[in-house]
Protein backbone atom coordinates (compact mmCIF):
# COMPACT_ATOMS: atom_id res chain seq x y z
CA MET A 1 0.00 0.00 0.00
CA LYS A 2 1.36 3.43 -0.95
CA ASP A 3 1.96 5.82 1.93
CA ASN A 4 0.99 8.87 -0.14
CA LYS A 5 -2.35 9.15 -1.88
CA GLU A 6 -4.90 11.78 -2.79
CA ILE A 7 -8.55 11.41 -3.77
CA VAL A 8 -11.43 13.80 -4.50
CA LEU A 9 -15.02 12.63 -4.08
CA ARG A 10 -18.12 14.33 -5.50
CA VAL A 11 -21.31 13.74 -3.49
CA PRO A 12 -24.78 14.89 -4.59
CA ALA A 13 -27.20 16.78 -2.37
CA THR A 14 -30.24 14.86 -1.22
CA CYS A 15 -33.90 15.40 -0.48
CA ALA A 16 -35.18 12.97 2.15
CA ASN A 17 -38.65 12.02 3.43
CA ILE A 18 -40.36 12.92 0.11
CA GLY A 19 -43.84 13.79 1.36
CA PRO A 20 -45.25 10.77 3.26
CA GLY A 21 -41.99 8.78 2.95
CA PHE A 22 -40.76 9.78 6.42
CA ASP A 23 -37.28 8.43 7.27
CA SER A 24 -37.37 5.99 4.35
CA LEU A 25 -37.33 7.73 0.95
CA GLY A 26 -34.65 9.95 -0.55
CA MET A 27 -33.50 11.43 -3.84
CA ALA A 28 -30.06 12.53 -5.01
CA LEU A 29 -30.00 15.99 -6.63
CA ASN A 30 -27.56 17.62 -9.03
CA ILE A 31 -25.84 20.09 -6.73
CA TYR A 32 -22.65 18.79 -5.21
CA THR A 33 -20.12 18.70 -2.41
CA ASP A 34 -16.52 17.96 -3.42
CA VAL A 35 -14.31 16.64 -0.62
CA SER A 36 -10.58 16.02 -1.08
CA PHE A 37 -8.43 13.73 1.05
CA GLU A 38 -4.64 13.69 0.94
CA LYS A 39 -2.78 11.29 3.20
CA SER A 40 0.90 10.60 3.77
CA GLY A 41 2.77 8.17 6.03
CA MET A 42 1.23 5.86 8.61
CA ALA A 43 0.78 6.90 12.24
CA PRO A 44 2.32 4.86 15.06
CA TYR A 45 0.19 3.02 17.64
CA ASN A 46 -2.86 3.07 15.35
CA ASN A 47 -3.95 6.21 17.21
CA PRO A 48 -5.93 8.95 15.38
CA ASP A 49 -4.68 11.51 17.90
CA ASN A 50 -1.30 11.25 16.17
CA ILE A 51 -2.69 12.51 12.88
CA GLU A 52 -1.29 15.83 11.71
CA LEU A 53 -4.57 17.29 10.46
CA GLU A 54 -5.12 20.14 8.01
CA LEU A 55 -8.63 21.32 7.11
CA THR A 56 -9.30 23.73 4.25
CA GLY A 57 -12.48 25.27 2.87
CA PHE A 58 -14.50 24.80 6.05
CA GLU A 59 -16.13 27.55 8.09
CA SER A 60 -14.03 28.39 11.14
CA ARG A 61 -16.53 26.72 13.50
CA TYR A 62 -15.96 23.41 11.68
CA ALA A 63 -12.17 23.71 11.28
CA ASN A 64 -11.24 21.46 14.21
CA ARG A 65 -11.18 17.80 15.23
CA GLU A 66 -14.93 17.87 15.83
CA ASN A 67 -15.33 18.28 12.07
CA LEU A 68 -17.90 15.79 10.79
CA VAL A 69 -15.80 14.71 7.80
CA TYR A 70 -12.78 14.03 9.99
CA LYS A 71 -14.75 12.22 12.71
CA SER A 72 -16.51 10.08 10.10
CA PHE A 73 -13.17 9.26 8.47
CA VAL A 74 -11.76 8.15 11.82
CA ARG A 75 -14.84 6.05 12.53
CA ALA A 76 -14.57 4.38 9.13
CA VAL A 77 -10.82 3.70 9.43
CA ASN A 78 -11.38 2.11 12.83
CA HIS A 79 -14.04 -0.08 11.24
CA ILE A 80 -11.79 -1.09 8.33
CA SER A 81 -8.29 -1.48 9.77
CA GLY A 82 -7.45 1.02 12.51
CA VAL A 83 -4.34 2.14 10.59
CA PHE A 84 -4.16 5.93 10.33
CA PRO A 85 -1.99 8.21 8.19
CA GLN A 86 0.58 10.44 9.85
CA LYS A 87 -0.69 13.42 7.88
CA LEU A 88 -4.18 14.04 6.57
CA LYS A 89 -5.39 17.04 4.60
CA ILE A 90 -9.14 17.40 4.05
CA GLY A 91 -10.58 20.10 1.79
CA ILE A 92 -14.16 20.91 0.90
CA LYS A 93 -15.95 22.87 -1.80
CA SER A 94 -19.73 22.75 -1.67
CA GLU A 95 -22.72 24.14 -3.54
CA VAL A 96 -25.08 22.64 -0.93
CA PRO A 97 -26.54 25.01 1.68
CA VAL A 98 -25.69 23.85 5.23
CA CYS A 99 -28.45 22.82 7.67
CA ARG A 100 -31.21 23.48 5.16
CA GLY A 101 -32.56 19.94 4.66
CA LEU A 102 -30.51 19.12 1.56
CA GLY A 103 -28.22 16.48 3.00
CA SER A 104 -25.09 18.53 3.72
CA SER A 105 -24.24 16.31 6.72
CA ALA A 106 -24.91 13.13 4.77
CA ALA A 107 -22.53 14.33 2.06
CA CYS A 108 -19.75 14.78 4.62
CA ILE A 109 -20.31 11.31 6.06
CA VAL A 110 -20.53 9.53 2.70
CA ALA A 111 -17.41 11.26 1.36
CA ALA A 112 -15.42 10.39 4.49
CA VAL A 113 -16.43 6.74 4.61
CA LYS A 114 -15.88 6.09 0.91
CA ALA A 115 -12.52 7.90 1.10
CA ALA A 116 -11.47 5.72 4.04
CA TYR A 117 -12.18 2.59 2.00
CA GLU A 118 -10.45 3.95 -1.09
CA LEU A 119 -7.34 5.04 0.82
CA SER A 120 -7.15 1.71 2.66
CA GLY A 121 -6.33 -0.06 -0.61
CA LYS A 122 -8.62 -2.92 0.33
CA PRO A 123 -11.42 -4.20 -1.92
CA TYR A 124 -14.88 -3.12 -0.85
CA SER A 125 -18.48 -2.83 -1.97
CA ASP A 126 -20.90 0.09 -1.81
CA THR A 127 -23.02 -2.06 0.52
CA GLU A 128 -20.16 -2.04 3.04
CA VAL A 129 -19.78 1.73 2.67
CA LEU A 130 -23.52 2.20 3.19
CA GLU A 131 -23.52 0.11 6.36
CA VAL A 132 -20.80 2.26 7.93
CA CYS A 133 -22.47 5.50 6.78
CA ASN A 134 -25.68 4.36 8.43
CA LEU A 135 -23.87 3.56 11.68
CA ILE A 136 -22.64 7.16 11.78
CA GLU A 137 -25.78 8.92 10.50
CA GLY A 138 -28.26 6.74 12.41
CA HIS A 139 -30.81 6.51 9.58
CA PRO A 140 -30.36 5.62 5.90
CA ASP A 141 -32.77 7.92 4.04
CA ASN A 142 -30.13 10.56 3.18
CA VAL A 143 -26.91 8.58 2.98
CA THR A 144 -28.41 5.96 0.64
CA PRO A 145 -29.24 8.28 -2.29
CA ALA A 146 -26.09 10.32 -1.62
CA LEU A 147 -24.01 7.17 -2.13
CA MET A 148 -26.10 5.28 -4.69
CA GLY A 149 -27.83 8.10 -6.61
CA GLY A 150 -31.38 8.19 -7.93
CA PHE A 151 -34.60 7.73 -5.94
CA THR A 152 -34.17 5.20 -3.14
CA ALA A 153 -36.19 3.45 -0.46
CA ALA A 154 -34.17 2.31 2.54
CA ILE A 155 -34.71 0.92 6.03
CA GLN A 156 -32.41 -0.36 8.74
CA LYS A 157 -33.04 -3.53 10.72
CA ASP A 158 -30.69 -5.07 13.28
CA GLY A 159 -27.92 -2.75 12.10
CA GLN A 160 -28.29 -3.76 8.47
CA VAL A 161 -29.51 -1.49 5.66
CA PHE A 162 -31.99 -2.78 3.13
CA MET A 163 -32.44 -0.54 0.10
CA SER A 164 -33.86 -0.50 -3.38
CA ASN A 165 -33.78 1.98 -6.24
CA ILE A 166 -37.13 3.26 -7.47
CA PRO A 167 -37.22 3.80 -11.25
CA VAL A 168 -38.26 7.35 -12.05
CA SER A 169 -38.29 9.63 -15.07
CA LYS A 170 -35.16 11.63 -15.83
CA ASP A 171 -37.45 14.41 -17.07
CA LEU A 172 -38.74 15.32 -13.61
CA ARG A 173 -38.08 18.99 -12.89
CA PHE A 174 -37.51 20.11 -9.32
CA PHE A 175 -37.19 23.47 -7.65
CA ALA A 176 -35.67 23.87 -4.20
CA PHE A 177 -36.62 27.03 -2.30
CA VAL A 178 -33.99 27.72 0.35
CA PRO A 179 -34.35 30.48 2.98
CA ASP A 180 -31.62 32.50 4.68
CA PHE A 181 -31.99 30.64 7.99
CA SER A 182 -30.90 27.16 9.05
CA LEU A 183 -32.83 24.50 10.95
CA SER A 184 -31.08 21.71 12.81
CA THR A 185 -32.38 18.17 12.39
CA GLU A 186 -32.36 17.78 16.18
CA TYR A 187 -34.68 20.74 16.70
CA SER A 188 -36.89 19.73 13.78
CA ARG A 189 -37.27 16.24 15.26
CA SER A 190 -38.03 17.63 18.70
CA VAL A 191 -41.36 19.08 17.52
CA LEU A 192 -42.63 15.70 16.29
CA PRO A 193 -45.12 13.73 18.43
CA GLN A 194 -44.03 10.62 20.32
CA ASN A 195 -47.19 8.79 19.22
CA VAL A 196 -49.47 9.11 16.22
CA ASP A 197 -53.10 8.26 15.64
CA PHE A 198 -53.72 4.94 13.86
CA LYS A 199 -55.70 6.69 11.12
CA ASP A 200 -52.72 8.99 10.45
CA ALA A 201 -50.44 5.97 10.09
CA VAL A 202 -52.89 4.41 7.62
CA TYR A 203 -53.09 7.75 5.78
CA ASN A 204 -49.32 7.81 5.28
CA VAL A 205 -49.07 4.16 4.23
CA SER A 206 -51.75 4.66 1.58
CA HIS A 207 -50.29 7.93 0.32
CA VAL A 208 -46.70 6.70 0.12
CA SER A 209 -47.87 3.64 -1.83
CA LEU A 210 -49.75 5.82 -4.30
CA MET A 211 -46.89 8.29 -4.54
CA ILE A 212 -44.28 5.65 -5.42
CA ALA A 213 -46.62 4.16 -8.05
CA ALA A 214 -47.16 7.63 -9.52
CA PHE A 215 -43.41 8.24 -9.75
CA VAL A 216 -42.76 4.86 -11.34
CA ASN A 217 -45.56 5.25 -13.87
CA SER A 218 -44.86 8.95 -14.54
CA GLU A 219 -48.43 9.83 -13.51
CA PHE A 220 -47.34 13.20 -12.23
CA ASP A 221 -50.85 14.64 -11.97
CA ILE A 222 -51.42 12.26 -9.04
CA LEU A 223 -48.46 13.61 -7.08
CA LYS A 224 -50.24 16.75 -5.88
CA THR A 225 -52.49 14.50 -3.77
CA ALA A 226 -50.06 11.66 -3.11
CA VAL A 227 -47.30 13.74 -1.44
CA SER A 228 -49.65 14.66 1.41
CA ASP A 229 -48.35 13.65 4.85
CA ARG A 230 -49.57 13.51 8.46
CA LEU A 231 -46.45 12.34 10.31
CA HIS A 232 -44.02 15.25 10.13
CA GLN A 233 -44.79 18.10 7.70
CA LYS A 234 -47.68 19.67 9.59
CA TYR A 235 -45.51 19.88 12.72
CA ARG A 236 -42.32 21.06 11.07
CA SER A 237 -44.03 23.61 8.85
CA LYS A 238 -45.06 25.55 11.98
CA ILE A 239 -41.42 26.29 12.86
CA ILE A 240 -40.49 27.44 9.33
CA ASP A 241 -41.00 31.17 8.88
CA GLU A 242 -42.97 32.05 5.71
CA TYR A 243 -43.65 28.39 4.89
CA GLU A 244 -47.31 29.05 4.11
CA GLU A 245 -46.43 32.01 1.90
CA VAL A 246 -44.04 29.84 -0.13
CA VAL A 247 -46.63 27.07 -0.49
CA ASN A 248 -49.23 29.61 -1.61
CA ILE A 249 -46.84 30.86 -4.31
CA CYS A 250 -46.55 27.28 -5.58
CA LYS A 251 -50.32 26.78 -5.48
CA GLY A 252 -50.83 30.03 -7.37
CA MET A 253 -48.54 28.76 -10.11
CA SER A 254 -50.26 25.35 -10.18
CA ALA A 255 -47.06 23.48 -9.33
CA THR A 256 -47.26 19.70 -9.64
CA ALA A 257 -46.37 18.94 -5.99
CA THR A 258 -44.89 20.65 -2.94
CA PHE A 259 -43.25 19.09 0.15
CA LEU A 260 -40.49 19.67 2.70
CA SER A 261 -36.96 18.61 1.87
CA GLY A 262 -35.64 16.53 4.73
CA ALA A 263 -36.21 18.20 8.07
CA GLY A 264 -36.60 21.60 6.37
CA PRO A 265 -36.55 24.52 6.05
CA THR A 266 -36.08 23.99 2.29
CA VAL A 267 -39.34 23.59 0.38
CA MET A 268 -39.11 21.20 -2.58
CA VAL A 269 -41.35 21.61 -5.62
CA ILE A 270 -42.00 19.34 -8.59
CA ASP A 271 -43.21 21.40 -11.53
CA GLN A 272 -43.69 19.97 -15.01
CA ASN A 273 -45.14 23.23 -16.36
CA LEU A 274 -42.28 24.61 -18.47
CA SER A 275 -43.80 28.10 -18.41
CA ASN A 276 -43.03 28.24 -14.68
CA THR A 277 -39.39 29.25 -14.86
CA LEU A 278 -36.70 29.69 -12.25
CA GLU A 279 -36.76 33.45 -12.88
CA ILE A 280 -40.51 33.68 -12.25
CA TYR A 281 -40.27 31.70 -9.02
CA GLN A 282 -37.31 33.77 -7.80
CA LYS A 283 -39.13 37.02 -8.54
CA LYS A 284 -42.11 35.91 -6.46
CA LEU A 285 -39.91 34.64 -3.63
CA SER A 286 -37.98 37.93 -3.55
CA ARG A 287 -41.13 39.64 -2.23
CA LEU A 288 -40.81 37.64 1.00
CA LYS A 289 -38.60 38.69 3.90
CA ARG A 290 -36.45 35.61 4.54
CA GLY A 291 -34.14 35.72 1.53
CA TRP A 292 -35.52 32.67 -0.25
CA LYS A 293 -33.29 31.46 -3.09
CA ALA A 294 -34.62 29.20 -5.84
CA TYR A 295 -32.61 26.36 -7.40
CA GLU A 296 -33.74 24.41 -10.48
CA LEU A 297 -32.66 20.78 -10.10
CA LYS A 298 -32.72 17.31 -11.61
CA ILE A 299 -32.24 13.90 -10.04
CA ASP A 300 -28.61 12.75 -9.93
CA PHE A 301 -28.45 9.08 -10.96
CA GLN A 302 -24.73 8.53 -10.41
CA GLY A 303 -24.37 9.05 -6.68
CA THR A 304 -20.95 9.49 -5.11
CA ARG A 305 -18.06 9.17 -7.52
CA ILE A 306 -14.36 9.75 -7.65
CA LYS A 307 -13.75 13.05 -9.34
CA GLU A 308 -11.19 13.02 -12.11
CA SER A 309 -8.36 15.50 -11.61
């Protein structure tokens, strides 16, 4: 195994939950986080504390050993071999807004784990990478599409991840509306109920079944109804400033479907009406107070890949 090696990984953003698909469905989207890893030498005593660490491109609050990329890398190396480099340089360049419900944390974890496997020089499978990512993240709905690409369904059982890709049209057109404020997943989860009514559980099961069928069969007119949810969106929407105003803009433009991206605050829109352009949406959003920025997106079907230098 060579002591010196460098790798750059490109990880797509993700939209998790997808309406009624709480903690199980996710899509990879075509905005990206590039994370570079450069290692040299091997540390004595298999101790990560010996690593001479350099972090570039991160905000100052993340430029320390509590950095999620670094901690995930250490966790993955311990899982694989426990042999650490003497020097490690990690750099990041990202188009993905942080703490906005677009999988910025999942991107860090996936990049770190896949890099650890690549730099180890040992053969591996994406299934192994996914298992370690899930151990770190705690749920597979974001890390699965970030790693595998496309539209995925995933669950974890007894520490194992079971996932499947859902076939979906490449012509789907998405808009992500991102405000100027962040929302932590921890806080967004704290507003959810501990128990739900049986009829609400049935409501979500029926709607997620219909929604997946509509995606698979490209019956997009059904999505407006099928993305409805009773497990998380009605609770989370109350802590997102101007959420109703954004949804009303989408309704006024007869968008195909509207739902929260991940834990929020980003609002995701599917709109197959080509007359509804990014410029029109941005103009309407600019009348609001919270600095909403519109992105026009497609599904990324490649997932995490090694970026050619």
